């Protein structure tokens, strides 16, 4: 609540439910299962999409290969599994960029179907002088 209160006080806090257009080019995508209201954020520009996964993936090395693996922090493990499987399948088919806080550096890349699961293919990263 400490983190949200300044935004509420400034009139900048706007709750939403479900799939919602937030601003031009940015949408919230409902991904139930982890916590109530859990969402991914989809940023779209010039025909490309970046899906910011939130807590859809907790342990990338395990859950990409087997999206049915849940964690005790998932409030509804069945819904979390369904959301994870659906989102990874969609990202692999549409060749969308995905990013997540629980994915090792660089934390952004693509998803490729691999057997009964998926593989995360990180973006090529180059250091800059």
N, C-alpha and C. Protein backbone atom coordinates (compact mmCIF):
# COMPACT_ATOMS: atom_id res chain seq x y z
N UNK A 1 0.82 -1.19 0.00
CA UNK A 1 0.00 0.00 0.00
C UNK A 1 0.87 1.26 0.00
N UNK A 2 2.06 1.18 0.64
CA UNK A 2 2.95 2.34 0.64
C UNK A 2 3.35 2.73 -0.78
N UNK A 3 3.54 1.73 -1.63
CA UNK A 3 3.96 2.01 -3.00
C UNK A 3 2.84 2.61 -3.83
N UNK A 4 1.61 2.24 -3.53
CA UNK A 4 0.46 2.69 -4.32
C UNK A 4 -0.09 4.03 -3.85
N UNK A 5 0.00 4.30 -2.57
CA UNK A 5 -0.63 5.50 -1.99
C UNK A 5 -0.24 6.81 -2.69
N UNK A 6 1.02 7.05 -2.99
CA UNK A 6 1.35 8.32 -3.67
C UNK A 6 0.62 8.47 -5.02
N UNK A 7 0.43 7.37 -5.73
CA UNK A 7 -0.29 7.43 -7.00
C UNK A 7 -1.78 7.71 -6.76
N UNK A 8 -2.33 7.09 -5.72
CA UNK A 8 -3.73 7.37 -5.36
C UNK A 8 -3.90 8.84 -4.99
N UNK A 9 -3.00 9.34 -4.15
CA UNK A 9 -3.08 10.74 -3.70
C UNK A 9 -2.98 11.72 -4.87
N UNK A 10 -2.21 11.35 -5.88
CA UNK A 10 -2.03 12.23 -7.05
C UNK A 10 -3.13 12.02 -8.10
N UNK A 11 -4.07 11.12 -7.83
CA UNK A 11 -5.12 10.85 -8.80
C UNK A 11 -4.65 10.09 -10.02
N UNK A 12 -3.52 9.38 -9.90
CA UNK A 12 -2.92 8.68 -11.04
C UNK A 12 -3.14 7.17 -10.98
N UNK A 13 -3.82 6.68 -9.96
CA UNK A 13 -4.06 5.25 -9.79
C UNK A 13 -5.41 4.91 -10.40
N UNK A 14 -5.40 4.01 -11.39
CA UNK A 14 -6.63 3.63 -12.08
C UNK A 14 -6.71 2.11 -12.14
N UNK A 15 -7.46 1.51 -11.23
CA UNK A 15 -7.60 0.05 -11.25
C UNK A 15 -8.29 -0.41 -12.54
N UNK A 16 -8.02 -1.66 -12.93
CA UNK A 16 -8.66 -2.24 -14.11
C UNK A 16 -8.91 -3.72 -13.83
N UNK A 17 -9.75 -4.32 -14.64
CA UNK A 17 -10.03 -5.76 -14.55
C UNK A 17 -9.94 -6.36 -15.94
N UNK A 18 -9.36 -7.55 -16.00
CA UNK A 18 -9.34 -8.29 -17.26
C UNK A 18 -8.49 -7.65 -18.33
N UNK A 19 -8.74 -8.04 -19.56
CA UNK A 19 -8.00 -7.51 -20.70
C UNK A 19 -8.42 -6.05 -20.90
N UNK A 20 -7.43 -5.15 -20.88
CA UNK A 20 -7.74 -3.72 -20.89
C UNK A 20 -6.70 -2.96 -21.71
N UNK A 21 -7.16 -2.06 -22.57
CA UNK A 21 -6.26 -1.12 -23.23
C UNK A 21 -5.89 -0.07 -22.20
N UNK A 22 -4.61 0.06 -21.89
CA UNK A 22 -4.16 1.02 -20.87
C UNK A 22 -3.84 2.37 -21.49
N UNK A 23 -3.00 2.36 -22.49
CA UNK A 23 -2.68 3.55 -23.28
C UNK A 23 -2.40 3.05 -24.69
N UNK A 24 -2.25 3.94 -25.62
CA UNK A 24 -1.98 3.53 -27.00
C UNK A 24 -0.74 2.63 -27.05
N UNK A 25 -0.92 1.42 -27.56
CA UNK A 25 0.19 0.49 -27.71
C UNK A 25 0.49 -0.37 -26.50
N UNK A 26 -0.25 -0.20 -25.40
CA UNK A 26 0.00 -0.99 -24.19
C UNK A 26 -1.34 -1.54 -23.68
N UNK A 27 -1.39 -2.87 -23.55
CA UNK A 27 -2.59 -3.54 -23.07
C UNK A 27 -2.24 -4.43 -21.89
N UNK A 28 -3.19 -4.55 -20.99
CA UNK A 28 -3.09 -5.55 -19.92
C UNK A 28 -3.79 -6.80 -20.43
N UNK A 29 -3.15 -7.96 -20.24
CA UNK A 29 -3.74 -9.24 -20.63
C UNK A 29 -3.94 -10.06 -19.36
N UNK A 30 -5.17 -10.39 -19.07
CA UNK A 30 -5.50 -11.16 -17.87
C UNK A 30 -4.88 -12.55 -17.94
N UNK A 31 -4.12 -12.90 -16.89
CA UNK A 31 -3.51 -14.23 -16.78
C UNK A 31 -3.79 -14.77 -15.38
N UNK A 32 -5.01 -15.22 -15.15
CA UNK A 32 -5.39 -15.66 -13.81
C UNK A 32 -4.62 -16.89 -13.36
N UNK A 33 -4.54 -17.03 -12.05
CA UNK A 33 -3.93 -18.22 -11.48
C UNK A 33 -2.88 -17.92 -10.44
N UNK A 34 -1.97 -17.02 -10.74
CA UNK A 34 -0.91 -16.72 -9.78
C UNK A 34 -1.49 -16.00 -8.57
N UNK A 35 -2.06 -14.84 -8.81
CA UNK A 35 -2.72 -14.05 -7.77
C UNK A 35 -3.96 -13.43 -8.39
N UNK A 36 -4.91 -12.99 -7.58
CA UNK A 36 -6.08 -12.32 -8.14
C UNK A 36 -5.65 -11.09 -8.95
N UNK A 37 -6.16 -11.00 -10.16
CA UNK A 37 -5.85 -9.86 -11.02
C UNK A 37 -4.51 -9.93 -11.73
N UNK A 38 -3.80 -11.05 -11.62
CA UNK A 38 -2.49 -11.15 -12.27
C UNK A 38 -2.63 -10.89 -13.77
N UNK A 39 -1.74 -10.08 -14.30
CA UNK A 39 -1.78 -9.68 -15.71
C UNK A 39 -0.40 -9.69 -16.32
N UNK A 40 -0.38 -9.85 -17.62
CA UNK A 40 0.82 -9.57 -18.41
C UNK A 40 0.56 -8.23 -19.07
N UNK A 41 1.60 -7.59 -19.53
CA UNK A 41 1.46 -6.33 -20.25
C UNK A 41 2.01 -6.53 -21.65
N UNK A 42 1.23 -6.15 -22.63
CA UNK A 42 1.59 -6.35 -24.03
C UNK A 42 1.87 -4.98 -24.63
N UNK A 43 3.09 -4.81 -25.08
CA UNK A 43 3.51 -3.56 -25.71
C UNK A 43 3.64 -3.85 -27.20
N UNK A 44 2.94 -3.06 -28.00
CA UNK A 44 2.91 -3.31 -29.43
C UNK A 44 3.32 -2.06 -30.19
N UNK A 45 4.22 -2.26 -31.17
CA UNK A 45 4.70 -1.14 -31.97
C UNK A 45 5.20 -1.67 -33.31
N UNK A 46 4.79 -1.03 -34.37
CA UNK A 46 5.24 -1.35 -35.72
C UNK A 46 5.16 -2.85 -36.01
N UNK A 47 4.07 -3.48 -35.60
CA UNK A 47 3.83 -4.88 -35.92
C UNK A 47 4.54 -5.88 -35.02
N UNK A 48 5.30 -5.42 -34.05
CA UNK A 48 5.96 -6.34 -33.12
C UNK A 48 5.32 -6.21 -31.74
N UNK A 49 5.35 -7.34 -31.01
CA UNK A 49 4.78 -7.36 -29.66
C UNK A 49 5.83 -7.83 -28.67
N UNK A 50 5.78 -7.20 -27.50
CA UNK A 50 6.56 -7.64 -26.34
C UNK A 50 5.55 -7.96 -25.25
N UNK A 51 5.57 -9.21 -24.77
CA UNK A 51 4.68 -9.62 -23.70
C UNK A 51 5.50 -9.70 -22.42
N UNK A 52 5.21 -8.82 -21.49
CA UNK A 52 5.91 -8.81 -20.20
C UNK A 52 5.11 -9.72 -19.27
N UNK A 53 5.71 -10.84 -18.92
CA UNK A 53 5.00 -11.97 -18.32
C UNK A 53 4.62 -11.83 -16.86
N UNK A 54 5.17 -10.88 -16.16
CA UNK A 54 4.88 -10.79 -14.73
C UNK A 54 5.36 -12.06 -14.03
N UNK A 55 4.52 -12.63 -13.18
CA UNK A 55 4.88 -13.85 -12.45
C UNK A 55 4.31 -15.10 -13.11
N UNK A 56 4.14 -15.07 -14.41
CA UNK A 56 3.69 -16.26 -15.13
C UNK A 56 4.77 -17.34 -15.08
N UNK A 57 6.02 -16.93 -15.14
CA UNK A 57 7.18 -17.83 -15.05
C UNK A 57 7.90 -17.51 -13.75
N UNK A 58 8.14 -18.54 -12.94
CA UNK A 58 8.87 -18.36 -11.69
C UNK A 58 10.28 -18.94 -11.79
N UNK A 59 10.39 -20.12 -12.41
CA UNK A 59 11.67 -20.81 -12.58
C UNK A 59 11.77 -21.19 -14.05
N UNK A 60 12.40 -20.32 -14.81
CA UNK A 60 12.43 -20.47 -16.27
C UNK A 60 13.00 -21.81 -16.71
N UNK A 61 14.06 -22.27 -16.07
CA UNK A 61 14.70 -23.51 -16.48
C UNK A 61 13.78 -24.72 -16.34
N UNK A 62 12.75 -24.60 -15.54
CA UNK A 62 11.80 -25.70 -15.33
C UNK A 62 10.49 -25.46 -16.08
N UNK A 63 9.92 -24.26 -15.95
CA UNK A 63 8.56 -24.03 -16.43
C UNK A 63 8.43 -23.81 -17.93
N UNK A 64 9.49 -23.42 -18.62
CA UNK A 64 9.40 -23.39 -20.08
C UNK A 64 9.29 -24.82 -20.60
N UNK A 65 10.12 -25.69 -20.11
CA UNK A 65 10.11 -27.09 -20.55
C UNK A 65 8.83 -27.81 -20.14
N UNK A 66 8.29 -27.46 -18.98
CA UNK A 66 7.07 -28.09 -18.48
C UNK A 66 6.17 -27.04 -17.83
N UNK A 67 5.31 -26.41 -18.62
CA UNK A 67 4.45 -25.33 -18.09
C UNK A 67 3.48 -25.78 -17.01
N UNK A 68 3.32 -27.08 -16.81
CA UNK A 68 2.39 -27.56 -15.78
C UNK A 68 2.98 -27.49 -14.38
N UNK A 69 4.27 -27.21 -14.28
CA UNK A 69 4.91 -27.11 -12.96
C UNK A 69 4.48 -25.80 -12.32
N UNK A 70 3.93 -25.90 -11.12
CA UNK A 70 3.47 -24.71 -10.42
C UNK A 70 4.32 -24.49 -9.18
N UNK A 71 4.02 -23.44 -8.48
CA UNK A 71 4.73 -23.07 -7.26
C UNK A 71 3.67 -22.76 -6.21
N UNK A 72 4.00 -22.92 -4.98
CA UNK A 72 2.98 -22.75 -3.94
C UNK A 72 2.40 -21.33 -3.89
N UNK A 73 3.08 -20.37 -4.50
CA UNK A 73 2.57 -19.00 -4.53
C UNK A 73 1.46 -18.82 -5.56
N UNK A 74 1.24 -19.82 -6.42
CA UNK A 74 0.12 -19.76 -7.35
C UNK A 74 -1.16 -20.06 -6.58
N UNK A 75 -2.04 -19.09 -6.51
CA UNK A 75 -3.28 -19.25 -5.76
C UNK A 75 -4.19 -20.32 -6.35
N UNK A 76 -4.19 -20.44 -7.68
CA UNK A 76 -4.99 -21.44 -8.38
C UNK A 76 -4.06 -22.10 -9.39
N UNK A 77 -3.48 -23.24 -9.00
CA UNK A 77 -2.45 -23.86 -9.83
C UNK A 77 -2.99 -24.32 -11.19
N UNK A 78 -4.25 -24.74 -11.25
CA UNK A 78 -4.82 -25.15 -12.53
C UNK A 78 -4.93 -23.96 -13.48
N UNK A 79 -5.45 -22.85 -12.99
CA UNK A 79 -5.56 -21.64 -13.82
C UNK A 79 -4.18 -21.11 -14.22
N UNK A 80 -3.21 -21.18 -13.30
CA UNK A 80 -1.85 -20.73 -13.60
C UNK A 80 -1.23 -21.58 -14.71
N UNK A 81 -1.41 -22.90 -14.61
CA UNK A 81 -0.90 -23.80 -15.64
C UNK A 81 -1.54 -23.49 -16.99
N UNK A 82 -2.85 -23.31 -17.00
CA UNK A 82 -3.55 -23.00 -18.26
C UNK A 82 -3.06 -21.68 -18.86
N UNK A 83 -2.92 -20.66 -18.02
CA UNK A 83 -2.47 -19.35 -18.50
C UNK A 83 -1.04 -19.44 -19.05
N UNK A 84 -0.18 -20.16 -18.34
CA UNK A 84 1.22 -20.30 -18.76
C UNK A 84 1.29 -21.05 -20.10
N UNK A 85 0.61 -22.19 -20.19
CA UNK A 85 0.64 -22.98 -21.42
C UNK A 85 0.10 -22.19 -22.61
N UNK A 86 -1.04 -21.53 -22.42
CA UNK A 86 -1.67 -20.76 -23.49
C UNK A 86 -0.76 -19.61 -23.94
N UNK A 87 -0.21 -18.89 -22.98
CA UNK A 87 0.62 -17.72 -23.31
C UNK A 87 1.89 -18.13 -24.03
N UNK A 88 2.55 -19.19 -23.56
CA UNK A 88 3.78 -19.64 -24.21
C UNK A 88 3.49 -20.17 -25.62
N UNK A 89 2.38 -20.89 -25.77
CA UNK A 89 2.00 -21.40 -27.10
C UNK A 89 1.75 -20.22 -28.05
N UNK A 90 0.97 -19.24 -27.60
CA UNK A 90 0.69 -18.07 -28.44
C UNK A 90 1.96 -17.33 -28.82
N UNK A 91 2.86 -17.15 -27.85
CA UNK A 91 4.11 -16.43 -28.12
C UNK A 91 4.98 -17.18 -29.12
N UNK A 92 4.98 -18.52 -29.03
CA UNK A 92 5.80 -19.30 -29.95
C UNK A 92 5.24 -19.26 -31.37
N UNK A 93 3.93 -19.32 -31.50
CA UNK A 93 3.29 -19.32 -32.82
C UNK A 93 3.41 -17.94 -33.48
N UNK A 94 3.16 -16.89 -32.70
CA UNK A 94 3.17 -15.52 -33.24
C UNK A 94 4.56 -14.90 -33.27
N UNK A 95 5.56 -15.61 -32.75
CA UNK A 95 6.94 -15.12 -32.68
C UNK A 95 7.01 -13.77 -31.94
N UNK A 96 6.26 -13.70 -30.83
CA UNK A 96 6.25 -12.50 -30.01
C UNK A 96 7.50 -12.47 -29.12
N UNK A 97 7.94 -11.28 -28.80
CA UNK A 97 8.98 -11.11 -27.80
C UNK A 97 8.34 -11.36 -26.43
N UNK A 98 9.06 -11.98 -25.54
CA UNK A 98 8.60 -12.12 -24.16
C UNK A 98 9.71 -11.64 -23.23
N UNK A 99 9.30 -11.16 -22.06
CA UNK A 99 10.25 -10.71 -21.06
C UNK A 99 9.69 -11.05 -19.69
N UNK A 100 10.58 -11.31 -18.75
CA UNK A 100 10.12 -11.61 -17.41
C UNK A 100 11.19 -11.37 -16.37
N UNK A 101 10.74 -10.97 -15.20
CA UNK A 101 11.65 -10.69 -14.10
C UNK A 101 12.35 -11.94 -13.58
N UNK A 102 11.72 -13.09 -13.75
CA UNK A 102 12.29 -14.33 -13.24
C UNK A 102 12.99 -15.14 -14.33
N UNK A 103 13.37 -14.48 -15.40
CA UNK A 103 14.12 -15.11 -16.49
C UNK A 103 15.52 -14.52 -16.46
N UNK A 104 16.53 -15.38 -16.50
CA UNK A 104 17.92 -14.93 -16.39
C UNK A 104 18.25 -13.90 -17.47
N UNK A 105 19.21 -13.04 -17.14
CA UNK A 105 19.69 -12.00 -18.05
C UNK A 105 19.95 -12.60 -19.43
N UNK A 106 19.51 -11.99 -20.49
CA UNK A 106 18.97 -10.65 -20.55
C UNK A 106 17.47 -10.56 -20.25
N UNK A 107 16.81 -11.67 -20.01
CA UNK A 107 15.41 -11.66 -19.59
C UNK A 107 14.41 -11.34 -20.67
N UNK A 108 14.86 -11.27 -21.90
CA UNK A 108 13.99 -10.98 -23.04
C UNK A 108 14.40 -11.89 -24.19
N UNK A 109 13.40 -12.38 -24.91
CA UNK A 109 13.70 -13.26 -26.04
C UNK A 109 12.42 -13.78 -26.67
N UNK A 110 12.54 -14.95 -27.27
CA UNK A 110 11.41 -15.59 -27.93
C UNK A 110 11.17 -16.96 -27.31
N UNK A 111 10.03 -17.53 -27.63
CA UNK A 111 9.67 -18.86 -27.15
C UNK A 111 9.54 -19.77 -28.37
N UNK A 112 10.13 -20.96 -28.24
CA UNK A 112 10.06 -21.95 -29.31
C UNK A 112 9.45 -23.22 -28.74
N UNK A 113 8.50 -23.83 -29.48
CA UNK A 113 7.93 -25.10 -29.05
C UNK A 113 9.03 -26.16 -29.09
N UNK A 114 9.08 -26.99 -28.04
CA UNK A 114 10.11 -28.02 -27.92
C UNK A 114 9.48 -29.23 -27.24
N UNK A 115 9.22 -30.28 -28.02
CA UNK A 115 8.57 -31.46 -27.45
C UNK A 115 7.19 -31.11 -26.92
N UNK A 116 6.92 -31.50 -25.66
CA UNK A 116 5.63 -31.17 -25.04
C UNK A 116 5.67 -29.83 -24.33
N UNK A 117 6.81 -29.16 -24.37
CA UNK A 117 6.95 -27.87 -23.70
C UNK A 117 7.50 -26.82 -24.63
N UNK A 118 8.33 -25.97 -24.07
CA UNK A 118 8.86 -24.84 -24.81
C UNK A 118 10.32 -24.61 -24.44
N UNK A 119 10.98 -23.80 -25.23
CA UNK A 119 12.34 -23.39 -24.94
C UNK A 119 12.40 -21.87 -25.03
N UNK A 120 13.09 -21.25 -24.10
CA UNK A 120 13.29 -19.81 -24.14
C UNK A 120 14.55 -19.54 -24.93
N UNK A 121 14.46 -18.67 -25.93
CA UNK A 121 15.60 -18.31 -26.78
C UNK A 121 15.91 -16.85 -26.51
N UNK A 122 16.95 -16.57 -25.70
CA UNK A 122 17.23 -15.17 -25.34
C UNK A 122 17.70 -14.36 -26.53
N UNK A 123 17.42 -13.07 -26.46
CA UNK A 123 17.87 -12.14 -27.48
C UNK A 123 19.40 -12.13 -27.46
N UNK A 124 20.02 -11.93 -28.60
CA UNK A 124 21.47 -11.77 -28.64
C UNK A 124 21.82 -10.47 -27.96
N UNK A 125 22.78 -10.53 -27.09
CA UNK A 125 23.16 -9.35 -26.32
C UNK A 125 24.60 -9.01 -26.61
N UNK A 126 24.85 -7.75 -26.89
CA UNK A 126 26.22 -7.25 -27.10
C UNK A 126 26.45 -6.13 -26.13
N UNK A 127 27.63 -6.12 -25.54
CA UNK A 127 27.95 -4.99 -24.67
C UNK A 127 28.28 -3.79 -25.55
N UNK A 128 28.01 -2.63 -25.04
CA UNK A 128 28.27 -1.42 -25.79
C UNK A 128 29.42 -0.68 -25.15
N UNK A 129 30.29 -0.10 -25.96
CA UNK A 129 31.45 0.62 -25.40
C UNK A 129 31.07 1.80 -24.55
